[in-house]
């Protein structure tokens, strides 16, 4: 196992795990949501897996794993980004 032991080990509620299972089985889902769902299922099975090892298995950067692990440990069980994050699309009307 590579990397430091995780600082956050979330305990997932059953309904969130079911949502993650359904998300990984869907054919039409954003890739990021599928990665996060796979991460949640992986961390449920192996809660002490390092961020580096978990990221390698689901294709996420260790910093992203750390972010989601912390967010879930704080009780925010969601797969979507929080509203208001990131740059907003810009549209300039003609004329």
PDB file of N, CA and C in Angstrom:
ATOM      1  N   UNK A   1       0.854  -1.182   0.000  1.00  0.00           N
ATOM      2  CA  UNK A   1       0.000   0.000   0.000  1.00  0.00           C
ATOM      3  C   UNK A   1       0.888   1.229   0.000  1.00  0.00           C
ATOM      4  N   UNK A   2       0.656   2.131  -0.951  1.00  0.00           N
ATOM      5  CA  UNK A   2       1.472   3.327  -1.027  1.00  0.00           C
ATOM      6  C   UNK A   2       0.710   4.514  -0.442  1.00  0.00           C
ATOM      7  N   UNK A   3       1.444   5.484   0.047  1.00  0.00           N
ATOM      8  CA  UNK A   3       0.835   6.684   0.605  1.00  0.00           C
ATOM      9  C   UNK A   3       0.592   6.566   2.095  1.00  0.00           C
ATOM     10  N   UNK A   4       0.252   7.695   2.689  1.00  0.00           N
ATOM     11  CA  UNK A   4      -0.021   7.751   4.118  1.00  0.00           C
ATOM     12  C   UNK A   4      -1.408   7.182   4.425  1.00  0.00           C
ATOM     13  N   UNK A   5      -1.623   6.748   5.652  1.00  0.00           N
ATOM     14  CA  UNK A   5      -2.982   6.313   6.002  1.00  0.00           C
ATOM     15  C   UNK A   5      -3.931   7.504   5.956  1.00  0.00           C
ATOM     16  N   UNK A   6      -5.185   7.277   5.622  1.00  0.00           N
ATOM     17  CA  UNK A   6      -6.118   8.393   5.443  1.00  0.00           C
ATOM     18  C   UNK A   6      -6.464   9.070   6.760  1.00  0.00           C
ATOM     19  N   UNK A   7      -6.676  10.386   6.689  1.00  0.00           N
ATOM     20  CA  UNK A   7      -7.080  11.151   7.865  1.00  0.00           C
ATOM     21  C   UNK A   7      -8.592  11.033   8.080  1.00  0.00           C
ATOM     22  N   UNK A   8      -9.351  10.756   7.013  1.00  0.00           N
ATOM     23  CA  UNK A   8     -10.807  10.667   7.093  1.00  0.00           C
ATOM     24  C   UNK A   8     -11.263   9.302   6.598  1.00  0.00           C
ATOM     25  N   UNK A   9     -12.080   8.627   7.378  1.00  0.00           N
ATOM     26  CA  UNK A   9     -12.664   7.339   6.999  1.00  0.00           C
ATOM     27  C   UNK A   9     -14.177   7.442   7.142  1.00  0.00           C
ATOM     28  N   UNK A  10     -14.868   7.869   6.077  1.00  0.00           N
ATOM     29  CA  UNK A  10     -16.317   8.054   6.180  1.00  0.00           C
ATOM     30  C   UNK A  10     -17.053   6.732   6.377  1.00  0.00           C
ATOM     31  N   UNK A  11     -18.161   6.802   7.090  1.00  0.00           N
ATOM     32  CA  UNK A  11     -19.065   5.661   7.251  1.00  0.00           C
ATOM     33  C   UNK A  11     -20.296   5.991   6.418  1.00  0.00           C
ATOM     34  N   UNK A  12     -20.493   5.214   5.362  1.00  0.00           N
ATOM     35  CA  UNK A  12     -21.522   5.525   4.378  1.00  0.00           C
ATOM     36  C   UNK A  12     -22.878   4.952   4.788  1.00  0.00           C
ATOM     37  N   UNK A  13     -23.944   5.759   4.642  1.00  0.00           N
ATOM     38  CA  UNK A  13     -25.287   5.229   4.889  1.00  0.00           C
ATOM     39  C   UNK A  13     -25.710   4.292   3.751  1.00  0.00           C
ATOM     40  N   UNK A  14     -26.599   3.393   4.053  1.00  0.00           N
ATOM     41  CA  UNK A  14     -27.023   2.380   3.086  1.00  0.00           C
ATOM     42  C   UNK A  14     -27.648   2.994   1.835  1.00  0.00           C
ATOM     43  N   UNK A  15     -28.450   4.056   1.995  1.00  0.00           N
ATOM     44  CA  UNK A  15     -29.096   4.648   0.818  1.00  0.00           C
ATOM     45  C   UNK A  15     -28.076   5.304  -0.121  1.00  0.00           C
ATOM     46  N   UNK A  16     -27.011   5.878   0.429  1.00  0.00           N
ATOM     47  CA  UNK A  16     -25.969   6.466  -0.409  1.00  0.00           C
ATOM     48  C   UNK A  16     -25.203   5.373  -1.158  1.00  0.00           C
ATOM     49  N   UNK A  17     -24.919   4.265  -0.481  1.00  0.00           N
ATOM     50  CA  UNK A  17     -24.231   3.146  -1.143  1.00  0.00           C
ATOM     51  C   UNK A  17     -25.086   2.579  -2.276  1.00  0.00           C
ATOM     52  N   UNK A  18     -26.393   2.506  -2.062  1.00  0.00           N
ATOM     53  CA  UNK A  18     -27.282   2.024  -3.114  1.00  0.00           C
ATOM     54  C   UNK A  18     -27.270   2.989  -4.296  1.00  0.00           C
ATOM     55  N   UNK A  19     -27.272   4.282  -4.014  1.00  0.00           N
ATOM     56  CA  UNK A  19     -27.181   5.294  -5.076  1.00  0.00           C
ATOM     57  C   UNK A  19     -25.868   5.128  -5.842  1.00  0.00           C
ATOM     58  N   UNK A  20     -24.777   4.871  -5.152  1.00  0.00           N
ATOM     59  CA  UNK A  20     -23.481   4.680  -5.804  1.00  0.00           C
ATOM     60  C   UNK A  20     -23.479   3.419  -6.664  1.00  0.00           C
ATOM     61  N   UNK A  21     -24.086   2.349  -6.160  1.00  0.00           N
ATOM     62  CA  UNK A  21     -24.166   1.108  -6.952  1.00  0.00           C
ATOM     63  C   UNK A  21     -24.952   1.336  -8.236  1.00  0.00           C
ATOM     64  N   UNK A  22     -26.064   2.040  -8.121  1.00  0.00           N
ATOM     65  CA  UNK A  22     -26.875   2.329  -9.306  1.00  0.00           C
ATOM     66  C   UNK A  22     -26.115   3.213 -10.286  1.00  0.00           C
ATOM     67  N   UNK A  23     -25.359   4.171  -9.770  1.00  0.00           N
ATOM     68  CA  UNK A  23     -24.606   5.083 -10.642  1.00  0.00           C
ATOM     69  C   UNK A  23     -23.523   4.346 -11.415  1.00  0.00           C
ATOM     70  N   UNK A  24     -22.858   3.389 -10.782  1.00  0.00           N
ATOM     71  CA  UNK A  24     -21.801   2.662 -11.487  1.00  0.00           C
ATOM     72  C   UNK A  24     -22.370   1.714 -12.529  1.00  0.00           C
ATOM     73  N   UNK A  25     -23.633   1.334 -12.370  1.00  0.00           N
ATOM     74  CA  UNK A  25     -24.252   0.421 -13.326  1.00  0.00           C
ATOM     75  C   UNK A  25     -24.930   1.099 -14.498  1.00  0.00           C
ATOM     76  N   UNK A  26     -25.138   2.398 -14.391  1.00  0.00           N
ATOM     77  CA  UNK A  26     -25.810   3.124 -15.473  1.00  0.00           C
ATOM     78  C   UNK A  26     -24.888   3.312 -16.667  1.00  0.00           C
ATOM     79  N   UNK A  27     -25.474   3.292 -17.853  1.00  0.00           N
ATOM     80  CA  UNK A  27     -24.675   3.488 -19.063  1.00  0.00           C
ATOM     81  C   UNK A  27     -24.495   4.955 -19.384  1.00  0.00           C
ATOM     82  N   UNK A  28     -25.490   5.766 -19.088  1.00  0.00           N
ATOM     83  CA  UNK A  28     -25.410   7.185 -19.410  1.00  0.00           C
ATOM     84  C   UNK A  28     -25.291   7.980 -18.118  1.00  0.00           C
ATOM     85  N   UNK A  29     -24.077   8.252 -17.756  1.00  0.00           N
ATOM     86  CA  UNK A  29     -23.792   9.026 -16.554  1.00  0.00           C
ATOM     87  C   UNK A  29     -22.482   9.768 -16.793  1.00  0.00           C
ATOM     88  N   UNK A  30     -22.371  10.960 -16.233  1.00  0.00           N
ATOM     89  CA  UNK A  30     -21.109  11.694 -16.386  1.00  0.00           C
ATOM     90  C   UNK A  30     -19.975  10.879 -15.792  1.00  0.00           C
ATOM     91  N   UNK A  31     -18.838  10.915 -16.465  1.00  0.00           N
ATOM     92  CA  UNK A  31     -17.690  10.121 -16.053  1.00  0.00           C
ATOM     93  C   UNK A  31     -17.259  10.446 -14.627  1.00  0.00           C
ATOM     94  N   UNK A  32     -17.309  11.729 -14.255  1.00  0.00           N
ATOM     95  CA  UNK A  32     -16.894  12.134 -12.907  1.00  0.00           C
ATOM     96  C   UNK A  32     -17.796  11.502 -11.850  1.00  0.00           C
ATOM     97  N   UNK A  33     -19.092  11.431 -12.119  1.00  0.00           N
ATOM     98  CA  UNK A  33     -20.018  10.821 -11.164  1.00  0.00           C
ATOM     99  C   UNK A  33     -19.741   9.328 -11.014  1.00  0.00           C
ATOM    100  N   UNK A  34     -19.421   8.676 -12.132  1.00  0.00           N
ATOM    101  CA  UNK A  34     -19.097   7.248 -12.075  1.00  0.00           C
ATOM    102  C   UNK A  34     -17.827   7.019 -11.257  1.00  0.00           C
ATOM    103  N   UNK A  35     -16.810   7.885 -11.436  1.00  0.00           N
ATOM    104  CA  UNK A  35     -15.578   7.765 -10.654  1.00  0.00           C
ATOM    105  C   UNK A  35     -15.852   7.941  -9.163  1.00  0.00           C
ATOM    106  N   UNK A  36     -16.653   8.940  -8.819  1.00  0.00           N
ATOM    107  CA  UNK A  36     -16.944   9.206  -7.407  1.00  0.00           C
ATOM    108  C   UNK A  36     -17.751   8.070  -6.791  1.00  0.00           C
ATOM    109  N   UNK A  37     -18.690   7.523  -7.554  1.00  0.00           N
ATOM    110  CA  UNK A  37     -19.480   6.394  -7.060  1.00  0.00           C
ATOM    111  C   UNK A  37     -18.575   5.184  -6.831  1.00  0.00           C
ATOM    112  N   UNK A  38     -17.666   4.932  -7.769  1.00  0.00           N
ATOM    113  CA  UNK A  38     -16.729   3.824  -7.612  1.00  0.00           C
ATOM    114  C   UNK A  38     -15.824   4.048  -6.405  1.00  0.00           C
ATOM    115  N   UNK A  39     -15.422   5.298  -6.184  1.00  0.00           N
ATOM    116  CA  UNK A  39     -14.597   5.621  -5.029  1.00  0.00           C
ATOM    117  C   UNK A  39     -15.348   5.351  -3.731  1.00  0.00           C
ATOM    118  N   UNK A  40     -16.602   5.760  -3.664  1.00  0.00           N
ATOM    119  CA  UNK A  40     -17.391   5.532  -2.452  1.00  0.00           C
ATOM    120  C   UNK A  40     -17.520   4.041  -2.160  1.00  0.00           C
ATOM    121  N   UNK A  41     -17.788   3.245  -3.190  1.00  0.00           N
ATOM    122  CA  UNK A  41     -17.919   1.797  -2.989  1.00  0.00           C
ATOM    123  C   UNK A  41     -16.588   1.179  -2.559  1.00  0.00           C
ATOM    124  N   UNK A  42     -15.506   1.650  -3.150  1.00  0.00           N
ATOM    125  CA  UNK A  42     -14.186   1.154  -2.793  1.00  0.00           C
ATOM    126  C   UNK A  42     -13.846   1.496  -1.344  1.00  0.00           C
ATOM    127  N   UNK A  43     -14.109   2.727  -0.938  1.00  0.00           N
ATOM    128  CA  UNK A  43     -13.799   3.139   0.432  1.00  0.00           C
ATOM    129  C   UNK A  43     -14.710   2.467   1.449  1.00  0.00           C
ATOM    130  N   UNK A  44     -15.901   2.079   1.019  1.00  0.00           N
ATOM    131  CA  UNK A  44     -16.777   1.327   1.916  1.00  0.00           C
ATOM    132  C   UNK A  44     -16.188  -0.060   2.182  1.00  0.00           C
ATOM    133  N   UNK A  45     -15.646  -0.672   1.132  1.00  0.00           N
ATOM    134  CA  UNK A  45     -15.056  -2.013   1.267  1.00  0.00           C
ATOM    135  C   UNK A  45     -13.698  -1.974   1.943  1.00  0.00           C
ATOM    136  N   UNK A  46     -12.903  -0.932   1.669  1.00  0.00           N
ATOM    137  CA  UNK A  46     -11.549  -0.827   2.206  1.00  0.00           C
ATOM    138  C   UNK A  46     -11.360   0.567   2.797  1.00  0.00           C
ATOM    139  N   UNK A  47     -11.907   0.827   3.985  1.00  0.00           N
ATOM    140  CA  UNK A  47     -11.898   2.188   4.526  1.00  0.00           C
ATOM    141  C   UNK A  47     -10.516   2.750   4.846  1.00  0.00           C
ATOM    142  N   UNK A  48      -9.533   1.914   5.053  1.00  0.00           N
ATOM    143  CA  UNK A  48      -8.201   2.405   5.426  1.00  0.00           C
ATOM    144  C   UNK A  48      -7.234   2.432   4.247  1.00  0.00           C
ATOM    145  N   UNK A  49      -7.759   2.278   3.038  1.00  0.00           N
ATOM    146  CA  UNK A  49      -6.946   2.366   1.835  1.00  0.00           C
ATOM    147  C   UNK A  49      -6.413   3.788   1.702  1.00  0.00           C
ATOM    148  N   UNK A  50      -5.155   3.934   1.325  1.00  0.00           N
ATOM    149  CA  UNK A  50      -4.573   5.278   1.201  1.00  0.00           C
ATOM    150  C   UNK A  50      -5.208   6.034   0.036  1.00  0.00           C
ATOM    151  N   UNK A  51      -5.093   7.343   0.071  1.00  0.00           N
ATOM    152  CA  UNK A  51      -5.628   8.179  -1.002  1.00  0.00           C
ATOM    153  C   UNK A  51      -4.956   7.869  -2.334  1.00  0.00           C
ATOM    154  N   UNK A  52      -3.664   7.595  -2.292  1.00  0.00           N
ATOM    155  CA  UNK A  52      -2.918   7.287  -3.518  1.00  0.00           C
ATOM    156  C   UNK A  52      -3.420   5.979  -4.125  1.00  0.00           C
ATOM    157  N   UNK A  53      -3.541   4.943  -3.295  1.00  0.00           N
ATOM    158  CA  UNK A  53      -3.987   3.633  -3.785  1.00  0.00           C
ATOM    159  C   UNK A  53      -5.429   3.704  -4.280  1.00  0.00           C
ATOM    160  N   UNK A  54      -6.292   4.397  -3.557  1.00  0.00           N
ATOM    161  CA  UNK A  54      -7.691   4.527  -3.978  1.00  0.00           C
ATOM    162  C   UNK A  54      -7.776   5.293  -5.294  1.00  0.00           C
ATOM    163  N   UNK A  55      -7.009   6.362  -5.413  1.00  0.00           N
ATOM    164  CA  UNK A  55      -6.997   7.137  -6.647  1.00  0.00           C
ATOM    165  C   UNK A  55      -6.524   6.321  -7.834  1.00  0.00           C
ATOM    166  N   UNK A  56      -5.508   5.496  -7.623  1.00  0.00           N
ATOM    167  CA  UNK A  56      -5.011   4.629  -8.699  1.00  0.00           C
ATOM    168  C   UNK A  56      -6.097   3.674  -9.181  1.00  0.00           C
ATOM    169  N   UNK A  57      -6.895   3.164  -8.270  1.00  0.00           N
ATOM    170  CA  UNK A  57      -7.904   2.168  -8.634  1.00  0.00           C
ATOM    171  C   UNK A  57      -9.102   2.772  -9.368  1.00  0.00           C
ATOM    172  N   UNK A  58      -9.443   4.020  -9.068  1.00  0.00           N
ATOM    173  CA  UNK A  58     -10.618   4.622  -9.713  1.00  0.00           C
ATOM    174  C   UNK A  58     -10.270   5.708 -10.721  1.00  0.00           C
ATOM    175  N   UNK A  59      -8.991   6.021 -10.867  1.00  0.00           N
ATOM    176  CA  UNK A  59      -8.567   7.008 -11.857  1.00  0.00           C
ATOM    177  C   UNK A  59      -8.724   8.448 -11.409  1.00  0.00           C
ATOM    178  N   UNK A  60      -8.566   8.696 -10.117  1.00  0.00           N
ATOM    179  CA  UNK A  60      -8.633  10.059  -9.587  1.00  0.00           C
ATOM    180  C   UNK A  60      -7.293  10.454  -8.982  1.00  0.00           C
ATOM    181  N   UNK A  61      -7.018  11.739  -8.977  1.00  0.00           N
ATOM    182  CA  UNK A  61      -5.813  12.257  -8.323  1.00  0.00           C
ATOM    183  C   UNK A  61      -5.975  12.096  -6.811  1.00  0.00           C
ATOM    184  N   UNK A  62      -4.904  11.811  -6.090  1.00  0.00           N
ATOM    185  CA  UNK A  62      -5.003  11.663  -4.628  1.00  0.00           C
ATOM    186  C   UNK A  62      -5.624  12.879  -3.933  1.00  0.00           C
ATOM    187  N   UNK A  63      -5.413  14.085  -4.473  1.00  0.00           N
ATOM    188  CA  UNK A  63      -6.039  15.272  -3.881  1.00  0.00           C
ATOM    189  C   UNK A  63      -7.559  15.223  -4.020  1.00  0.00           C
ATOM    190  N   UNK A  64      -8.047  14.699  -5.146  1.00  0.00           N
ATOM    191  CA  UNK A  64      -9.488  14.556  -5.338  1.00  0.00           C
ATOM    192  C   UNK A  64     -10.061  13.515  -4.384  1.00  0.00           C
ATOM    193  N   UNK A  65      -9.331  12.425  -4.206  1.00  0.00           N
ATOM    194  CA  UNK A  65      -9.759  11.394  -3.257  1.00  0.00           C
ATOM    195  C   UNK A  65      -9.842  11.997  -1.853  1.00  0.00           C
ATOM    196  N   UNK A  66      -8.837  12.768  -1.492  1.00  0.00           N
ATOM    197  CA  UNK A  66      -8.811  13.411  -0.173  1.00  0.00           C
ATOM    198  C   UNK A  66      -9.997  14.356  -0.010  1.00  0.00           C
ATOM    199  N   UNK A  67     -10.312  15.130  -1.041  1.00  0.00           N
ATOM    200  CA  UNK A  67     -11.431  16.070  -0.999  1.00  0.00           C
ATOM    201  C   UNK A  67     -12.750  15.327  -0.752  1.00  0.00           C
ATOM    202  N   UNK A  68     -13.011  14.288  -1.554  1.00  0.00           N
ATOM    203  CA  UNK A  68     -14.275  13.566  -1.436  1.00  0.00           C
ATOM    204  C   UNK A  68     -14.346  12.788  -0.130  1.00  0.00           C
ATOM    205  N   UNK A  69     -13.247  12.238   0.271  1.00  0.00           N
ATOM    206  CA  UNK A  69     -13.220  11.504   1.540  1.00  0.00           C
ATOM    207  C   UNK A  69     -13.556  12.440   2.701  1.00  0.00           C
ATOM    208  N   UNK A  70     -12.989  13.631   2.716  1.00  0.00           N
ATOM    209  CA  UNK A  70     -13.255  14.611   3.772  1.00  0.00           C
ATOM    210  C   UNK A  70     -14.719  15.058   3.728  1.00  0.00           C
ATOM    211  N   UNK A  71     -15.210  15.343   2.538  1.00  0.00           N
ATOM    212  CA  UNK A  71     -16.592  15.801   2.389  1.00  0.00           C
ATOM    213  C   UNK A  71     -17.578  14.744   2.889  1.00  0.00           C
ATOM    214  N   UNK A  72     -17.334  13.490   2.509  1.00  0.00           N
ATOM    215  CA  UNK A  72     -18.214  12.416   2.963  1.00  0.00           C
ATOM    216  C   UNK A  72     -18.082  12.180   4.465  1.00  0.00           C
ATOM    217  N   UNK A  73     -16.891  12.310   5.011  1.00  0.00           N
ATOM    218  CA  UNK A  73     -16.690  12.124   6.452  1.00  0.00           C
ATOM    219  C   UNK A  73     -17.414  13.207   7.249  1.00  0.00           C
ATOM    220  N   UNK A  74     -17.624  14.369   6.639  1.00  0.00           N
ATOM    221  CA  UNK A  74     -18.339  15.459   7.300  1.00  0.00           C
ATOM    222  C   UNK A  74     -19.853  15.307   7.173  1.00  0.00           C
ATOM    223  N   UNK A  75     -20.299  14.248   6.496  1.00  0.00           N
ATOM    224  CA  UNK A  75     -21.725  13.966   6.402  1.00  0.00           C
ATOM    225  C   UNK A  75     -22.410  14.455   5.148  1.00  0.00           C
ATOM    226  N   UNK A  76     -21.667  15.007   4.195  1.00  0.00           N
ATOM    227  CA  UNK A  76     -22.242  15.489   2.936  1.00  0.00           C
ATOM    228  C   UNK A  76     -22.159  14.361   1.906  1.00  0.00           C
ATOM    229  N   UNK A  77     -23.157  13.472   1.933  1.00  0.00           N
ATOM    230  CA  UNK A  77     -23.141  12.303   1.059  1.00  0.00           C
ATOM    231  C   UNK A  77     -23.816  12.631  -0.258  1.00  0.00           C
ATOM    232  N   UNK A  78     -23.015  13.079  -1.209  1.00  0.00           N
ATOM    233  CA  UNK A  78     -23.485  13.422  -2.547  1.00  0.00           C
ATOM    234  C   UNK A  78     -22.375  13.075  -3.531  1.00  0.00           C
ATOM    235  N   UNK A  79     -22.769  12.895  -4.789  1.00  0.00           N
ATOM    236  CA  UNK A  79     -21.792  12.628  -5.843  1.00  0.00           C
ATOM    237  C   UNK A  79     -21.564  13.863  -6.709  1.00  0.00           C
ATOM    238  N   UNK A  80     -22.503  14.785  -6.692  1.00  0.00           N
ATOM    239  CA  UNK A  80     -22.397  16.002  -7.502  1.00  0.00           C
ATOM    240  C   UNK A  80     -21.530  17.042  -6.819  1.00  0.00           C
ATOM    241  N   UNK A  81     -20.977  17.947  -7.642  1.00  0.00           N
ATOM    242  CA  UNK A  81     -20.255  19.093  -7.104  1.00  0.00           C
ATOM    243  C   UNK A  81     -21.234  20.006  -6.392  1.00  0.00           C
ATOM    244  N   UNK A  82     -20.730  20.773  -5.463  1.00  0.00           N
ATOM    245  CA  UNK A  82     -21.565  21.773  -4.798  1.00  0.00           C
ATOM    246  C   UNK A  82     -21.891  22.880  -5.796  1.00  0.00           C
ATOM    247  N   UNK A  83     -23.077  23.485  -5.682  1.00  0.00           N
ATOM    248  CA  UNK A  83     -23.402  24.576  -6.595  1.00  0.00           C
ATOM    249  C   UNK A  83     -22.466  25.764  -6.381  1.00  0.00           C
ATOM    250  N   UNK A  84     -22.174  26.433  -7.465  1.00  0.00           N
ATOM    251  CA  UNK A  84     -21.340  27.620  -7.378  1.00  0.00           C
ATOM    252  C   UNK A  84     -19.858  27.372  -7.558  1.00  0.00           C
ATOM    253  N   UNK A  85     -19.467  26.114  -7.761  1.00  0.00           N
ATOM    254  CA  UNK A  85     -18.051  25.820  -7.934  1.00  0.00           C
ATOM    255  C   UNK A  85     -17.661  25.958  -9.393  1.00  0.00           C
ATOM    256  N   UNK A  86     -16.448  26.413  -9.622  1.00  0.00           N
ATOM    257  CA  UNK A  86     -15.915  26.477 -10.972  1.00  0.00           C
ATOM    258  C   UNK A  86     -16.330  27.717 -11.738  1.00  0.00           C
ATOM    259  N   UNK A  87     -15.713  27.874 -12.879  1.00  0.00           N
ATOM    260  CA  UNK A  87     -15.989  29.034 -13.727  1.00  0.00           C
ATOM    261  C   UNK A  87     -17.319  28.855 -14.431  1.00  0.00           C
ATOM    262  N   UNK A  88     -18.092  29.911 -14.483  1.00  0.00           N
ATOM    263  CA  UNK A  88     -19.395  29.878 -15.125  1.00  0.00           C
ATOM    264  C   UNK A  88     -19.245  30.149 -16.613  1.00  0.00           C
ATOM    265  N   UNK A  89     -20.121  29.552 -17.431  1.00  0.00           N
ATOM    266  CA  UNK A  89     -20.050  29.815 -18.869  1.00  0.00           C
ATOM    267  C   UNK A  89     -20.364  31.283 -19.154  1.00  0.00           C
ATOM    268  N   UNK A  90     -19.681  31.807 -20.136  1.00  0.00           N
ATOM    269  CA  UNK A  90     -19.846  33.211 -20.499  1.00  0.00           C
ATOM    270  C   UNK A  90     -20.500  33.266 -21.873  1.00  0.00           C
ATOM    271  N   UNK A  91     -21.532  34.068 -21.970  1.00  0.00           N
ATOM    272  CA  UNK A  91     -22.218  34.239 -23.242  1.00  0.00           C
ATOM    273  C   UNK A  91     -22.353  35.728 -23.526  1.00  0.00           C
ATOM    274  N   UNK A  92     -21.841  36.153 -24.633  1.00  0.00           N
ATOM    275  CA  UNK A  92     -21.955  37.557 -25.034  1.00  0.00           C
ATOM    276  C   UNK A  92     -22.989  37.664 -26.144  1.00  0.00           C
ATOM    277  N   UNK A  93     -24.082  38.390 -25.908  1.00  0.00           N
ATOM    278  CA  UNK A  93     -25.076  38.554 -26.960  1.00  0.00           C
ATOM    279  C   UNK A  93     -24.500  39.303 -28.147  1.00  0.00           C
ATOM    280  N   UNK A  94     -24.983  38.975 -29.321  1.00  0.00           N
ATOM    281  CA  UNK A  94     -24.537  39.672 -30.535  1.00  0.00           C
ATOM    282  C   UNK A  94     -25.079  41.085 -30.555  1.00  0.00           C
ATOM    283  N   UNK A  95     -24.255  41.994 -31.058  1.00  0.00           N
ATOM    284  CA  UNK A  95     -24.676  43.364 -31.250  1.00  0.00           C
ATOM    285  C   UNK A  95     -24.655  44.110 -30.019  1.00  0.00           C
TER     286      UNK A  95
END
